[in-house]
């Protein structure tokens, strides 16, 4: 949210889209407020 200066709903939608396209993946063992993602190159 802070990087893109976006609302939380927009940020959530963007993350869901990046996951769907295979651009990022959630790091196993992370969830909730501490969720982390890895960029797929």
Protein backbone atom coordinates (compact mmCIF):
# COMPACT_ATOMS: atom_id res chain seq x y z
CA UNK A 1 0.00 0.00 0.00
CA UNK A 2 2.71 2.48 0.94
CA UNK A 3 4.87 1.76 -2.11
CA UNK A 4 2.06 2.35 -4.61
CA UNK A 5 0.11 4.83 -2.46
CA UNK A 6 -3.01 2.70 -2.95
CA UNK A 7 -6.03 1.77 -0.85
CA UNK A 8 -5.96 -1.62 0.89
CA UNK A 9 -8.65 -3.02 -1.43
CA UNK A 10 -6.64 -1.99 -4.49
CA UNK A 11 -3.45 -3.46 -3.06
CA UNK A 12 -5.21 -6.76 -2.26
CA UNK A 13 -6.64 -6.91 -5.79
CA UNK A 14 -3.22 -6.18 -7.30
CA UNK A 15 -1.54 -8.90 -5.21
CA UNK A 16 -4.23 -11.42 -6.20
CA UNK A 17 -3.65 -10.55 -9.86
CA UNK A 18 0.14 -10.90 -9.56
CA UNK A 19 -0.35 -14.31 -7.91
CA UNK A 20 -2.72 -15.38 -10.71
CA UNK A 21 -0.24 -14.31 -13.41
CA UNK A 22 2.59 -16.18 -11.65
CA UNK A 23 4.66 -13.04 -11.07
CA UNK A 24 4.89 -13.61 -7.31
CA UNK A 25 4.39 -16.49 -4.91
CA UNK A 26 3.58 -16.52 -1.21
CA UNK A 27 6.45 -17.66 0.97
CA UNK A 28 5.46 -20.85 2.75
CA UNK A 29 4.77 -20.45 6.45
CA UNK A 30 3.70 -16.79 6.22
CA UNK A 31 0.12 -15.64 6.70
CA UNK A 32 -2.06 -12.78 7.86
CA UNK A 33 -0.33 -9.50 8.63
CA UNK A 34 3.08 -11.17 8.30
CA UNK A 35 2.56 -12.62 4.83
CA UNK A 36 5.55 -12.35 2.50
CA UNK A 37 5.87 -12.85 -1.24
CA UNK A 38 8.74 -13.82 -3.52
CA UNK A 39 9.12 -12.32 -6.99
CA UNK A 40 9.35 -14.91 -9.76
CA UNK A 41 11.86 -13.87 -12.43
